[in-house]
Each structure stands twice: as structure tokens, then as C-alpha cells.
């Protein structure tokens, strides 16, 4: 890449940063609005019972939305275990809380497979599991900015994917991300902090 092209790209980057800053300062666009608008959106999936589900399933409840697959060897069971413990720590507040597990492996994760996988006493009791065809999975993954890529061939392939969990408020909007590796105590504290702000919470 030539020095001239690098200089042009640098100038464009500076110009973009200045325009963004001006938009934020003028109130046209806030950083939080950018984040909220970037995560979530319409989807059409089926749950572990085979019922059709859309984005309205996130309305009226706090939802911890996590993407993975049932043959995942590490991040998925680890996250679901942590969410199961978090659910217990929330106590009575868990009545208005659900875990949403979105499969990135529709070829293997049928409703029956999801139901069998989630029949685990260490996982959350209230789990909405979602699957669908590949186009539906790609659509919801794009809406939540989730990376996913099939790795390997044959029946033992895996899905490389993002490991972040999104806490969505009862309006179906992003409250905050829950990073992979947080302890159940840390997750419960963040969820409770968001709940205290009410259904429009956009931080935790």
C-alpha cells in the first residue's frame, strides 16, 4: 500500500471521527444510541417445542441472549452453567428473567436435540432455545453482531463463534453485554443493577 493511499485513509478516518464527535455533541447521535441500535432486531425462529418464535418473545422479560450449539465442547456449557447459577442467585427476581439460547448449528440442533441438551439440572430452568433453517440463523446472528463459522468436515465439525451474552431489557433492547468469563455473582450483580433502572435500562 502506497504512502499516498495511507495518508488518504488516515485523513478519511480523522474526518469520520470529527463528524461522529460533532453528531454526539449536538445530540443527534449518542454513543449509547449507536450501541443500542446495533444489537438486536426482528427474527423468525422455532423453539425447542417446535413453535414459531419471533422477537416478541423478548418483550416483558429480562433476557440473557447467548449464541452457541449443543455440540460445543467448552464455551456453551460453561456459559449455561454460569447462567444457571446466576438464575439461582437472582432469587425472586428470576421470575422476570429468561435465558435465550440461540443455536448456530441448525443442521444438528433440532428442537428434540435442544430439548435433550437442556435437560440438565445445572443449566437455567427457564431457557428459550431457538433454531431454524440456515438463513434464519444467519439473520439473527447478523442482527446481534455474532460471528460464526463452521470449522472442520464430517460429523464432528464445530462452530467457531462469539462468546458474549447480551442482556436485553423488557422492551427487547440491549441493556448491556455480559462478557464471557464473568462469575455468576458478577452477572447477577449486573442484571440486578439493570433491573433497578427499570424496563428502559441501557446499562448495568
N, C-alpha and C. Protein backbone atom coordinates (compact mmCIF):
# COMPACT_ATOMS: atom_id res chain seq x y z
N UNK A 1 0.84 -1.19 0.00
CA UNK A 1 0.00 0.00 0.00
C UNK A 1 0.88 1.24 0.00
N UNK A 2 0.60 2.19 -0.92
CA UNK A 2 1.44 3.37 -1.06
C UNK A 2 1.24 4.33 0.11
N UNK A 3 2.28 5.20 0.31
CA UNK A 3 2.18 6.19 1.37
C UNK A 3 1.03 7.16 1.10
N UNK A 4 0.83 7.48 -0.18
CA UNK A 4 -0.25 8.41 -0.53
C UNK A 4 -1.61 7.85 -0.12
N UNK A 5 -1.82 6.56 -0.42
CA UNK A 5 -3.09 5.92 -0.07
C UNK A 5 -3.26 5.86 1.44
N UNK A 6 -2.18 5.55 2.15
CA UNK A 6 -2.24 5.52 3.61
C UNK A 6 -2.62 6.89 4.16
N UNK A 7 -2.04 7.93 3.57
CA UNK A 7 -2.34 9.29 4.03
C UNK A 7 -3.81 9.63 3.80
N UNK A 8 -4.33 9.23 2.64
CA UNK A 8 -5.74 9.50 2.33
C UNK A 8 -6.66 8.77 3.31
N UNK A 9 -6.35 7.50 3.58
CA UNK A 9 -7.15 6.72 4.52
C UNK A 9 -7.11 7.33 5.91
N UNK A 10 -5.93 7.81 6.30
CA UNK A 10 -5.79 8.44 7.62
C UNK A 10 -6.65 9.69 7.71
N UNK A 11 -6.62 10.51 6.65
CA UNK A 11 -7.43 11.73 6.63
C UNK A 11 -8.93 11.41 6.68
N UNK A 12 -9.34 10.37 5.96
CA UNK A 12 -10.74 9.97 5.99
C UNK A 12 -11.15 9.51 7.37
N UNK A 13 -10.25 8.77 8.04
CA UNK A 13 -10.54 8.29 9.39
C UNK A 13 -10.71 9.46 10.36
N UNK A 14 -9.82 10.45 10.23
CA UNK A 14 -9.90 11.64 11.08
C UNK A 14 -11.20 12.39 10.81
N UNK A 15 -11.55 12.54 9.54
CA UNK A 15 -12.78 13.25 9.19
C UNK A 15 -14.01 12.54 9.74
N UNK A 16 -14.01 11.21 9.66
CA UNK A 16 -15.13 10.44 10.19
C UNK A 16 -15.25 10.61 11.70
N UNK A 17 -14.10 10.58 12.38
CA UNK A 17 -14.10 10.74 13.84
C UNK A 17 -14.63 12.11 14.23
N UNK A 18 -14.24 13.14 13.47
CA UNK A 18 -14.71 14.50 13.77
C UNK A 18 -16.21 14.62 13.55
N UNK A 19 -16.71 14.07 12.45
CA UNK A 19 -18.14 14.13 12.17
C UNK A 19 -18.94 13.36 13.22
N UNK A 20 -18.43 12.21 13.64
CA UNK A 20 -19.11 11.44 14.68
C UNK A 20 -19.15 12.21 15.99
N UNK A 21 -18.02 12.81 16.35
CA UNK A 21 -17.97 13.59 17.59
C UNK A 21 -18.94 14.75 17.55
N UNK A 22 -19.04 15.42 16.40
CA UNK A 22 -19.98 16.54 16.26
C UNK A 22 -21.42 16.06 16.40
N UNK A 23 -21.71 14.89 15.84
CA UNK A 23 -23.07 14.35 15.95
C UNK A 23 -23.42 14.03 17.39
N UNK A 24 -22.46 13.49 18.12
CA UNK A 24 -22.68 13.17 19.53
C UNK A 24 -22.88 14.44 20.34
N UNK A 25 -22.00 15.44 20.11
CA UNK A 25 -22.08 16.69 20.86
C UNK A 25 -23.38 17.44 20.58
N UNK A 26 -23.88 17.35 19.37
CA UNK A 26 -25.09 18.08 19.00
C UNK A 26 -26.36 17.36 19.45
N UNK A 27 -26.19 16.14 19.96
CA UNK A 27 -27.34 15.39 20.42
C UNK A 27 -28.02 14.60 19.32
N UNK A 28 -27.48 14.64 18.11
CA UNK A 28 -28.07 13.89 17.01
C UNK A 28 -27.88 12.40 17.22
N UNK A 29 -26.73 12.04 17.75
CA UNK A 29 -26.41 10.63 17.92
C UNK A 29 -25.57 10.46 19.17
N UNK A 30 -26.05 9.68 20.12
CA UNK A 30 -25.29 9.42 21.34
C UNK A 30 -24.58 8.08 21.21
N UNK A 31 -23.47 7.89 21.90
CA UNK A 31 -22.79 6.60 21.85
C UNK A 31 -23.70 5.46 22.25
N UNK A 32 -24.57 5.70 23.24
CA UNK A 32 -25.46 4.64 23.69
C UNK A 32 -26.49 4.29 22.62
N UNK A 33 -26.96 5.31 21.89
CA UNK A 33 -27.91 5.06 20.82
C UNK A 33 -27.28 4.22 19.72
N UNK A 34 -26.00 4.50 19.45
CA UNK A 34 -25.29 3.70 18.45
C UNK A 34 -25.24 2.25 18.88
N UNK A 35 -24.91 2.01 20.17
CA UNK A 35 -24.78 0.64 20.67
C UNK A 35 -26.12 -0.07 20.66
N UNK A 36 -27.18 0.63 21.15
CA UNK A 36 -28.48 0.00 21.24
C UNK A 36 -29.01 -0.35 19.86
N UNK A 37 -28.85 0.56 18.90
CA UNK A 37 -29.36 0.33 17.56
C UNK A 37 -28.61 -0.79 16.86
N UNK A 38 -27.40 -1.06 17.28
CA UNK A 38 -26.56 -2.03 16.59
C UNK A 38 -26.84 -3.47 16.99
N UNK A 39 -27.52 -3.70 18.11
CA UNK A 39 -27.72 -5.04 18.63
C UNK A 39 -29.21 -5.38 18.67
N UNK A 40 -29.56 -6.51 18.07
CA UNK A 40 -30.94 -6.98 18.11
C UNK A 40 -31.71 -6.61 16.86
N UNK A 41 -32.93 -7.13 16.77
CA UNK A 41 -33.76 -6.85 15.62
C UNK A 41 -34.74 -7.98 15.36
N UNK A 42 -35.54 -7.85 14.32
CA UNK A 42 -36.55 -8.87 14.01
C UNK A 42 -35.92 -10.22 13.67
N UNK A 43 -36.61 -11.28 14.04
CA UNK A 43 -36.18 -12.63 13.67
C UNK A 43 -37.39 -13.56 13.65
N UNK A 44 -37.24 -14.66 12.94
CA UNK A 44 -38.24 -15.72 12.89
C UNK A 44 -37.52 -17.03 13.11
N UNK A 45 -37.82 -17.71 14.23
CA UNK A 45 -37.15 -18.96 14.56
C UNK A 45 -38.20 -19.95 15.08
N UNK A 46 -37.77 -21.14 15.48
CA UNK A 46 -38.63 -22.07 16.21
C UNK A 46 -37.94 -22.43 17.51
N UNK A 47 -38.74 -22.75 18.53
CA UNK A 47 -38.16 -23.07 19.83
C UNK A 47 -38.03 -24.58 20.01
N UNK A 48 -37.67 -25.00 21.22
CA UNK A 48 -37.41 -26.42 21.47
C UNK A 48 -38.67 -27.28 21.45
N UNK A 49 -39.84 -26.65 21.37
CA UNK A 49 -41.09 -27.40 21.23
C UNK A 49 -41.56 -27.44 19.78
N UNK A 50 -40.87 -26.72 18.90
CA UNK A 50 -41.26 -26.65 17.51
C UNK A 50 -42.17 -25.48 17.19
N UNK A 51 -42.46 -24.65 18.19
CA UNK A 51 -43.35 -23.50 17.99
C UNK A 51 -42.60 -22.34 17.33
N UNK A 52 -43.31 -21.59 16.50
CA UNK A 52 -42.73 -20.41 15.87
C UNK A 52 -42.50 -19.31 16.91
N UNK A 53 -41.36 -18.65 16.82
CA UNK A 53 -41.00 -17.61 17.78
C UNK A 53 -40.41 -16.43 17.02
N UNK A 54 -40.79 -15.22 17.44
CA UNK A 54 -40.17 -14.03 16.86
C UNK A 54 -39.66 -13.13 17.99
N UNK A 55 -39.24 -11.92 17.64
CA UNK A 55 -38.61 -11.03 18.60
C UNK A 55 -39.53 -10.63 19.76
N UNK A 56 -40.83 -10.84 19.61
CA UNK A 56 -41.75 -10.50 20.70
C UNK A 56 -41.53 -11.38 21.93
N UNK A 57 -40.83 -12.50 21.75
CA UNK A 57 -40.53 -13.39 22.88
C UNK A 57 -39.61 -12.71 23.89
N UNK A 58 -38.95 -11.63 23.48
CA UNK A 58 -38.06 -10.91 24.39
C UNK A 58 -38.78 -9.79 25.13
N UNK A 59 -40.02 -9.51 24.77
CA UNK A 59 -40.75 -8.41 25.39
C UNK A 59 -41.34 -8.85 26.74
N UNK A 60 -41.25 -7.96 27.72
CA UNK A 60 -41.85 -8.22 29.02
C UNK A 60 -40.97 -8.96 30.00
N UNK A 61 -39.78 -9.37 29.55
CA UNK A 61 -38.85 -10.09 30.43
C UNK A 61 -37.43 -9.59 30.20
N UNK A 62 -36.61 -9.79 31.20
CA UNK A 62 -35.17 -9.60 31.03
C UNK A 62 -34.63 -10.88 30.40
N UNK A 63 -33.84 -10.73 29.36
CA UNK A 63 -33.36 -11.90 28.63
C UNK A 63 -31.85 -11.88 28.49
N UNK A 64 -31.22 -12.99 28.85
CA UNK A 64 -29.79 -13.18 28.60
C UNK A 64 -29.67 -13.99 27.32
N UNK A 65 -29.29 -13.33 26.24
CA UNK A 65 -29.25 -13.97 24.92
C UNK A 65 -27.84 -14.44 24.61
N UNK A 66 -27.71 -15.75 24.38
CA UNK A 66 -26.40 -16.35 24.13
C UNK A 66 -26.48 -17.23 22.89
N UNK A 67 -25.46 -17.17 22.04
CA UNK A 67 -25.40 -17.96 20.81
C UNK A 67 -24.39 -19.09 20.96
N UNK A 68 -24.76 -20.28 20.50
CA UNK A 68 -23.84 -21.41 20.60
C UNK A 68 -24.40 -22.61 19.85
N UNK A 69 -24.04 -23.81 20.29
CA UNK A 69 -24.56 -25.03 19.68
C UNK A 69 -24.38 -26.18 20.66
N UNK A 70 -25.21 -27.19 20.53
CA UNK A 70 -25.25 -28.24 21.56
C UNK A 70 -24.02 -29.15 21.55
N UNK A 71 -23.28 -29.17 20.45
CA UNK A 71 -22.07 -29.98 20.39
C UNK A 71 -20.83 -29.17 20.78
N UNK A 72 -21.04 -27.97 21.26
CA UNK A 72 -19.96 -27.09 21.70
C UNK A 72 -19.23 -27.72 22.89
N UNK A 73 -17.91 -27.83 22.83
CA UNK A 73 -17.18 -28.52 23.89
C UNK A 73 -16.87 -27.70 25.13
N UNK A 74 -16.93 -26.37 25.05
CA UNK A 74 -16.45 -25.59 26.20
C UNK A 74 -17.28 -24.35 26.51
N UNK A 75 -17.25 -23.35 25.65
CA UNK A 75 -17.86 -22.05 25.98
C UNK A 75 -19.36 -22.16 26.25
N UNK A 76 -20.06 -22.98 25.49
CA UNK A 76 -21.52 -23.06 25.64
C UNK A 76 -21.95 -23.69 26.96
N UNK A 77 -21.46 -24.89 27.29
CA UNK A 77 -21.85 -25.44 28.59
C UNK A 77 -21.35 -24.60 29.76
N UNK A 78 -20.18 -23.98 29.60
CA UNK A 78 -19.66 -23.12 30.66
C UNK A 78 -20.57 -21.93 30.89
N UNK A 79 -21.02 -21.30 29.80
CA UNK A 79 -21.91 -20.14 29.91
C UNK A 79 -23.27 -20.54 30.48
N UNK A 80 -23.82 -21.65 30.02
CA UNK A 80 -25.12 -22.09 30.52
C UNK A 80 -25.05 -22.48 31.98
N UNK A 81 -23.94 -23.08 32.39
CA UNK A 81 -23.75 -23.40 33.80
C UNK A 81 -23.73 -22.13 34.63
N UNK A 82 -22.99 -21.13 34.16
CA UNK A 82 -22.91 -19.85 34.88
C UNK A 82 -24.27 -19.17 34.95
N UNK A 83 -25.03 -19.23 33.85
CA UNK A 83 -26.36 -18.62 33.84
C UNK A 83 -27.32 -19.38 34.76
N UNK A 84 -27.13 -20.69 34.87
CA UNK A 84 -27.95 -21.46 35.79
C UNK A 84 -27.72 -21.04 37.23
N UNK A 85 -26.46 -20.81 37.58
CA UNK A 85 -26.14 -20.35 38.93
C UNK A 85 -26.60 -18.91 39.14
N UNK A 86 -26.49 -18.10 38.07
CA UNK A 86 -26.96 -16.72 38.15
C UNK A 86 -28.46 -16.67 38.42
N UNK A 87 -29.20 -17.52 37.74
CA UNK A 87 -30.65 -17.58 37.93
C UNK A 87 -31.00 -17.85 39.39
N UNK A 88 -30.26 -18.74 40.02
CA UNK A 88 -30.50 -19.04 41.44
C UNK A 88 -30.16 -17.85 42.32
N UNK A 89 -29.07 -17.16 41.99
CA UNK A 89 -28.66 -16.00 42.79
C UNK A 89 -29.67 -14.86 42.70
N UNK A 90 -30.39 -14.78 41.60
CA UNK A 90 -31.38 -13.72 41.44
C UNK A 90 -32.60 -13.91 42.34
N UNK A 91 -32.80 -15.12 42.81
CA UNK A 91 -33.91 -15.38 43.72
C UNK A 91 -35.25 -15.05 43.09
N UNK A 92 -36.07 -14.27 43.80
CA UNK A 92 -37.40 -13.92 43.30
C UNK A 92 -37.35 -13.10 42.01
N UNK A 93 -36.25 -12.38 41.80
CA UNK A 93 -36.12 -11.57 40.58
C UNK A 93 -36.06 -12.44 39.33
N UNK A 94 -35.72 -13.71 39.49
CA UNK A 94 -35.61 -14.61 38.35
C UNK A 94 -36.97 -14.90 37.71
N UNK A 95 -38.05 -14.54 38.40
CA UNK A 95 -39.38 -14.75 37.82
C UNK A 95 -39.56 -13.94 36.54
N UNK A 96 -38.81 -12.86 36.43
CA UNK A 96 -38.91 -11.98 35.26
C UNK A 96 -37.64 -12.04 34.41
N UNK A 97 -37.00 -13.20 34.43
CA UNK A 97 -35.71 -13.37 33.74
C UNK A 97 -35.71 -14.69 32.98
N UNK A 98 -35.16 -14.68 31.78
CA UNK A 98 -35.04 -15.90 31.00
C UNK A 98 -33.70 -15.93 30.27
N UNK A 99 -33.23 -17.13 30.03
CA UNK A 99 -32.06 -17.33 29.19
C UNK A 99 -32.55 -17.71 27.79
N UNK A 100 -31.97 -17.09 26.78
CA UNK A 100 -32.32 -17.40 25.39
C UNK A 100 -31.07 -17.98 24.73
N UNK A 101 -31.13 -19.26 24.39
CA UNK A 101 -30.00 -19.96 23.78
C UNK A 101 -30.29 -20.12 22.28
N UNK A 102 -29.52 -19.43 21.46
CA UNK A 102 -29.72 -19.44 20.01
C UNK A 102 -28.70 -20.37 19.36
N UNK A 103 -29.19 -21.40 18.69
CA UNK A 103 -28.28 -22.35 18.04
C UNK A 103 -27.72 -21.79 16.75
N UNK A 104 -26.43 -21.98 16.57
CA UNK A 104 -25.75 -21.61 15.33
C UNK A 104 -25.50 -22.83 14.46
N UNK A 105 -26.12 -23.95 14.82
CA UNK A 105 -25.89 -25.23 14.14
C UNK A 105 -27.24 -25.88 13.81
N UNK A 106 -28.00 -25.27 12.90
CA UNK A 106 -29.35 -25.78 12.62
C UNK A 106 -29.38 -27.19 12.05
N UNK A 107 -28.30 -27.61 11.41
CA UNK A 107 -28.27 -28.95 10.82
C UNK A 107 -28.38 -30.04 11.88
N UNK A 108 -27.78 -29.81 13.04
CA UNK A 108 -27.80 -30.83 14.10
C UNK A 108 -28.74 -30.46 15.25
N UNK A 109 -28.92 -29.17 15.47
CA UNK A 109 -29.71 -28.74 16.63
C UNK A 109 -31.19 -28.62 16.28
N UNK A 110 -31.83 -29.76 16.21
CA UNK A 110 -33.28 -29.81 16.02
C UNK A 110 -33.96 -29.47 17.34
N UNK A 111 -35.26 -29.21 17.33
CA UNK A 111 -35.96 -28.98 18.59
C UNK A 111 -35.76 -30.12 19.59
N UNK A 112 -35.82 -31.36 19.11
CA UNK A 112 -35.61 -32.51 20.01
C UNK A 112 -34.21 -32.50 20.61
N UNK A 113 -33.21 -32.20 19.79
CA UNK A 113 -31.83 -32.15 20.28
C UNK A 113 -31.66 -31.05 21.32
N UNK A 114 -32.25 -29.89 21.07
CA UNK A 114 -32.17 -28.79 22.03
C UNK A 114 -32.83 -29.17 23.35
N UNK A 115 -33.98 -29.81 23.26
CA UNK A 115 -34.71 -30.20 24.46
C UNK A 115 -33.89 -31.20 25.29
N UNK A 116 -33.29 -32.15 24.61
CA UNK A 116 -32.46 -33.15 25.31
C UNK A 116 -31.24 -32.50 25.94
N UNK A 117 -30.59 -31.62 25.20
CA UNK A 117 -29.38 -30.95 25.68
C UNK A 117 -29.66 -30.11 26.92
N UNK A 118 -30.77 -29.42 26.92
CA UNK A 118 -31.09 -28.50 28.02
C UNK A 118 -31.68 -29.20 29.24
N UNK A 119 -31.91 -30.50 29.13
CA UNK A 119 -32.41 -31.26 30.27
C UNK A 119 -31.24 -31.56 31.21
N UNK A 120 -30.76 -30.52 31.83
CA UNK A 120 -29.57 -30.58 32.68
C UNK A 120 -29.83 -29.72 33.90
N UNK A 121 -29.79 -30.30 35.06
CA UNK A 121 -30.16 -29.58 36.28
C UNK A 121 -29.21 -28.44 36.62
N UNK A 122 -28.03 -28.42 36.00
CA UNK A 122 -27.09 -27.32 36.27
C UNK A 122 -27.33 -26.12 35.36
N UNK A 123 -28.13 -26.30 34.31
CA UNK A 123 -28.45 -25.22 33.39
C UNK A 123 -29.64 -24.42 33.93
N UNK A 124 -29.90 -23.23 33.38
CA UNK A 124 -31.06 -22.45 33.84
C UNK A 124 -32.35 -23.24 33.69
N UNK A 125 -33.29 -23.00 34.57
CA UNK A 125 -34.59 -23.67 34.49
C UNK A 125 -35.46 -23.05 33.40
N UNK A 126 -35.29 -21.75 33.20
CA UNK A 126 -36.12 -21.04 32.22
C UNK A 126 -35.27 -20.69 31.01
N UNK A 127 -35.27 -21.60 30.04
CA UNK A 127 -34.48 -21.40 28.82
C UNK A 127 -35.40 -21.45 27.60
N UNK A 128 -35.30 -20.44 26.78
CA UNK A 128 -35.95 -20.45 25.48
C UNK A 128 -34.85 -20.76 24.47
N UNK A 129 -34.93 -21.94 23.85
CA UNK A 129 -33.91 -22.35 22.87
C UNK A 129 -34.46 -22.11 21.47
N UNK A 130 -33.63 -21.54 20.61
CA UNK A 130 -34.07 -21.19 19.26
C UNK A 130 -33.22 -21.86 18.20
N UNK A 131 -33.88 -22.34 17.16
CA UNK A 131 -33.20 -22.88 16.00
C UNK A 131 -34.04 -22.53 14.77
N UNK A 132 -33.65 -23.03 13.62
CA UNK A 132 -34.37 -22.71 12.39
C UNK A 132 -33.59 -23.21 11.21
N UNK A 133 -33.83 -22.65 10.04
CA UNK A 133 -33.00 -23.01 8.90
C UNK A 133 -31.77 -22.10 8.87
N UNK A 134 -30.85 -22.38 7.96
CA UNK A 134 -29.59 -21.63 7.95
C UNK A 134 -29.81 -20.15 7.70
N UNK A 135 -30.74 -19.81 6.83
CA UNK A 135 -31.00 -18.40 6.54
C UNK A 135 -31.52 -17.67 7.78
N UNK A 136 -32.38 -18.33 8.53
CA UNK A 136 -32.92 -17.72 9.75
C UNK A 136 -31.83 -17.53 10.80
N UNK A 137 -30.97 -18.53 10.92
CA UNK A 137 -29.85 -18.44 11.87
C UNK A 137 -28.91 -17.31 11.48
N UNK A 138 -28.59 -17.23 10.19
CA UNK A 138 -27.70 -16.16 9.72
C UNK A 138 -28.31 -14.78 9.98
N UNK A 139 -29.62 -14.68 9.82
CA UNK A 139 -30.29 -13.39 10.02
C UNK A 139 -30.21 -12.93 11.47
N UNK A 140 -30.51 -13.82 12.41
CA UNK A 140 -30.48 -13.41 13.82
C UNK A 140 -29.04 -13.19 14.29
N UNK A 141 -28.10 -13.98 13.77
CA UNK A 141 -26.70 -13.78 14.13
C UNK A 141 -26.21 -12.41 13.64
N UNK A 142 -26.63 -12.03 12.44
CA UNK A 142 -26.26 -10.72 11.91
C UNK A 142 -26.88 -9.61 12.75
N UNK A 143 -28.12 -9.78 13.16
CA UNK A 143 -28.81 -8.76 13.96
C UNK A 143 -28.11 -8.52 15.29
N UNK A 144 -27.53 -9.58 15.84
CA UNK A 144 -26.86 -9.47 17.14
C UNK A 144 -25.34 -9.37 17.00
N UNK A 145 -24.88 -9.18 15.78
CA UNK A 145 -23.46 -8.99 15.50
C UNK A 145 -22.62 -10.16 16.05
N UNK A 146 -23.12 -11.37 15.80
CA UNK A 146 -22.45 -12.57 16.30
C UNK A 146 -21.67 -13.23 15.18
N UNK A 147 -20.38 -13.40 15.40
CA UNK A 147 -19.53 -14.12 14.45
C UNK A 147 -19.79 -15.62 14.57
N UNK A 148 -19.87 -16.31 13.44
CA UNK A 148 -19.97 -17.78 13.48
C UNK A 148 -19.42 -18.34 12.18
N UNK A 149 -18.66 -19.41 12.30
CA UNK A 149 -18.02 -20.02 11.14
C UNK A 149 -17.84 -21.51 11.39
N UNK A 150 -18.31 -22.32 10.46
CA UNK A 150 -18.14 -23.76 10.56
C UNK A 150 -16.67 -24.11 10.39
N UNK A 151 -16.18 -25.01 11.24
CA UNK A 151 -14.77 -25.41 11.19
C UNK A 151 -14.69 -26.93 11.18
N UNK A 152 -13.99 -27.47 10.20
CA UNK A 152 -13.84 -28.92 10.10
C UNK A 152 -14.86 -29.52 9.15
N UNK A 153 -14.65 -30.80 8.85
CA UNK A 153 -15.55 -31.53 7.96
C UNK A 153 -16.02 -32.80 8.65
N UNK A 154 -17.01 -33.44 8.04
CA UNK A 154 -17.52 -34.67 8.63
C UNK A 154 -18.46 -34.38 9.79
N UNK A 155 -18.91 -35.42 10.46
CA UNK A 155 -19.92 -35.26 11.52
C UNK A 155 -19.42 -34.58 12.78
N UNK A 156 -18.12 -34.47 12.94
CA UNK A 156 -17.56 -33.89 14.17
C UNK A 156 -17.12 -32.44 14.00
N UNK A 157 -17.68 -31.74 13.03
CA UNK A 157 -17.31 -30.34 12.84
C UNK A 157 -17.74 -29.52 14.06
N UNK A 158 -17.14 -28.35 14.19
CA UNK A 158 -17.53 -27.43 15.26
C UNK A 158 -17.90 -26.08 14.64
N UNK A 159 -18.46 -25.21 15.44
CA UNK A 159 -18.80 -23.86 15.01
C UNK A 159 -17.99 -22.88 15.84
N UNK A 160 -17.08 -22.18 15.20
CA UNK A 160 -16.38 -21.09 15.89
C UNK A 160 -17.35 -19.92 16.01
N UNK A 161 -17.44 -19.34 17.20
CA UNK A 161 -18.46 -18.29 17.37
C UNK A 161 -18.11 -17.33 18.50
N UNK A 162 -18.78 -16.19 18.49
CA UNK A 162 -18.63 -15.21 19.57
C UNK A 162 -19.15 -15.81 20.87
N UNK A 163 -18.60 -15.36 21.99
CA UNK A 163 -18.99 -15.94 23.28
C UNK A 163 -19.67 -14.94 24.21
N UNK A 164 -20.00 -13.77 23.72
CA UNK A 164 -20.62 -12.75 24.56
C UNK A 164 -22.10 -13.07 24.77
N UNK A 165 -22.61 -12.70 25.92
CA UNK A 165 -24.04 -12.82 26.23
C UNK A 165 -24.62 -11.41 26.29
N UNK A 166 -25.78 -11.22 25.68
CA UNK A 166 -26.42 -9.91 25.69
C UNK A 166 -27.58 -9.89 26.68
N UNK A 167 -27.56 -8.94 27.60
CA UNK A 167 -28.70 -8.74 28.49
C UNK A 167 -29.64 -7.75 27.81
N UNK A 168 -30.83 -8.22 27.47
CA UNK A 168 -31.83 -7.38 26.82
C UNK A 168 -32.88 -6.98 27.84
N UNK A 169 -33.30 -5.72 27.79
CA UNK A 169 -34.31 -5.25 28.73
C UNK A 169 -35.71 -5.71 28.29
N UNK A 170 -36.74 -5.51 29.12
CA UNK A 170 -38.09 -5.99 28.77
C UNK A 170 -38.70 -5.34 27.53
N UNK A 171 -38.07 -4.33 26.99
CA UNK A 171 -38.52 -3.74 25.73
C UNK A 171 -37.85 -4.41 24.53
N UNK A 172 -36.98 -5.39 24.80
CA UNK A 172 -36.27 -6.07 23.74
C UNK A 172 -35.08 -5.31 23.22
N UNK A 173 -34.59 -4.36 24.04
CA UNK A 173 -33.43 -3.55 23.66
C UNK A 173 -32.22 -3.96 24.50
N UNK A 174 -31.04 -3.69 23.97
CA UNK A 174 -29.82 -4.04 24.70
C UNK A 174 -29.71 -3.22 25.98
N UNK A 175 -29.54 -3.92 27.10
CA UNK A 175 -29.21 -3.26 28.36
C UNK A 175 -27.70 -3.19 28.50
N UNK A 176 -27.04 -4.34 28.36
CA UNK A 176 -25.57 -4.35 28.40
C UNK A 176 -25.06 -5.72 27.98
N UNK A 177 -23.81 -5.79 27.53
CA UNK A 177 -23.19 -7.08 27.24
C UNK A 177 -22.65 -7.70 28.52
N UNK A 178 -22.70 -9.01 28.60
CA UNK A 178 -22.12 -9.76 29.72
C UNK A 178 -20.96 -10.57 29.16
N UNK A 179 -19.78 -10.18 29.48
CA UNK A 179 -18.59 -10.80 28.89
C UNK A 179 -18.42 -12.25 29.32
N UNK A 180 -17.87 -13.06 28.44
CA UNK A 180 -17.56 -14.45 28.77
C UNK A 180 -16.52 -14.48 29.88
N UNK A 181 -16.74 -15.31 30.86
CA UNK A 181 -15.79 -15.42 31.97
C UNK A 181 -16.24 -14.73 33.23
N UNK A 182 -17.34 -13.94 33.15
CA UNK A 182 -17.86 -13.34 34.38
C UNK A 182 -18.36 -14.45 35.31
N UNK A 183 -18.17 -14.26 36.59
CA UNK A 183 -18.69 -15.23 37.56
C UNK A 183 -20.20 -15.06 37.67
N UNK A 184 -20.91 -16.07 38.17
CA UNK A 184 -22.35 -15.92 38.39
C UNK A 184 -22.66 -14.73 39.30
N UNK A 185 -21.82 -14.50 40.29
CA UNK A 185 -22.04 -13.36 41.19
C UNK A 185 -21.93 -12.04 40.44
N UNK A 186 -20.96 -11.95 39.54
CA UNK A 186 -20.80 -10.72 38.76
C UNK A 186 -21.97 -10.52 37.80
N UNK A 187 -22.41 -11.60 37.17
CA UNK A 187 -23.55 -11.49 36.25
C UNK A 187 -24.81 -11.10 37.00
N UNK A 188 -25.05 -11.73 38.14
CA UNK A 188 -26.24 -11.41 38.93
C UNK A 188 -26.23 -9.95 39.35
N UNK A 189 -25.06 -9.45 39.74
CA UNK A 189 -24.95 -8.04 40.17
C UNK A 189 -25.28 -7.10 39.01
N UNK A 190 -24.79 -7.42 37.82
CA UNK A 190 -25.07 -6.58 36.65
C UNK A 190 -26.55 -6.62 36.28
N UNK A 191 -27.13 -7.80 36.32
CA UNK A 191 -28.55 -7.93 35.98
C UNK A 191 -29.41 -7.17 36.98
N UNK A 192 -29.09 -7.30 38.26
CA UNK A 192 -29.84 -6.59 39.30
C UNK A 192 -29.69 -5.07 39.15
N UNK A 193 -28.49 -4.63 38.77
CA UNK A 193 -28.26 -3.19 38.56
C UNK A 193 -29.12 -2.67 37.41
N UNK A 194 -29.25 -3.47 36.36
CA UNK A 194 -30.10 -3.07 35.24
C UNK A 194 -31.57 -3.08 35.65
N UNK A 195 -31.98 -4.09 36.40
CA UNK A 195 -33.37 -4.19 36.83
C UNK A 195 -33.79 -2.98 37.67
N UNK A 196 -32.88 -2.48 38.47
CA UNK A 196 -33.18 -1.33 39.32
C UNK A 196 -33.49 -0.08 38.49
N UNK A 197 -32.96 -0.04 37.28
CA UNK A 197 -33.20 1.11 36.40
C UNK A 197 -34.55 1.06 35.71
N UNK A 198 -35.19 -0.10 35.74
CA UNK A 198 -36.48 -0.24 35.09
C UNK A 198 -36.38 -0.81 33.69
N UNK A 199 -37.52 -0.94 33.04
CA UNK A 199 -37.61 -1.64 31.76
C UNK A 199 -36.87 -0.96 30.61
N UNK A 200 -36.53 0.32 30.78
CA UNK A 200 -35.81 1.03 29.73
C UNK A 200 -34.29 1.04 29.96
N UNK A 201 -33.82 0.25 30.91
CA UNK A 201 -32.40 0.26 31.26
C UNK A 201 -31.53 0.04 30.04
N UNK A 202 -30.45 0.81 29.96
CA UNK A 202 -29.50 0.67 28.87
C UNK A 202 -28.08 0.63 29.40
N UNK A 203 -27.94 0.16 30.62
CA UNK A 203 -26.61 -0.03 31.21
C UNK A 203 -26.74 -0.97 32.39
N UNK A 204 -25.62 -1.49 32.84
CA UNK A 204 -25.62 -2.32 34.04
C UNK A 204 -24.21 -2.34 34.64
